[in-house]
Amino acid sequence: MAKYVLIETKSPLDGGRWAFELGQQLRDLQHDVTIYLLQDGVFSARRNFKTGEALVADASKRGVRVVADEVSLRQRGVVGDRVAKDVEVREMGDLVDLMMERSDKAIWH
C-alpha cells in the first residue's frame, strides 16, 4: 500500500474534480490518500458550495483525507464556519512534511 498526496490547485468548476476522482480510485485499491487543496482548489472546501461540498463528503466517506491550505483559504474568504466540516485546515509547512516525509508519491494538478 502506497501513500499518495494529491495536490489540487483548480476549482471544481475548472477541472478540480481530478484529484478527488483519482483519490477515490487509489483508495479503492487500498492506498492511503491525502488531497491537499491549494490556490483555487480550496473552493472545494467551501461550506454550502454544493459541487465542492459533495466532493469532500464523498472523499471523506471513502477514507480520503482532505486538507486545505490556510493562506489560500484566507485569500479567498473561506474562513471559520465557511470551511466544510470534513476539511482540515493546515499551513504550507504541513504540505512540505507530507511530500517529503509522509508520502511515497506526490502528484500536482
Foldseek 3Di string as FASTA:
>chain_A
DFEEEEEFAAAPVGPRCVLLVVLLVVVVVVYAAEYEYEANSCVLFFPPPVSSLVSLVVCVVSNYQYEYEPVNCVVVVCDDPRGDPRYHYDHPVVVVCCCPPVGDYYHYD
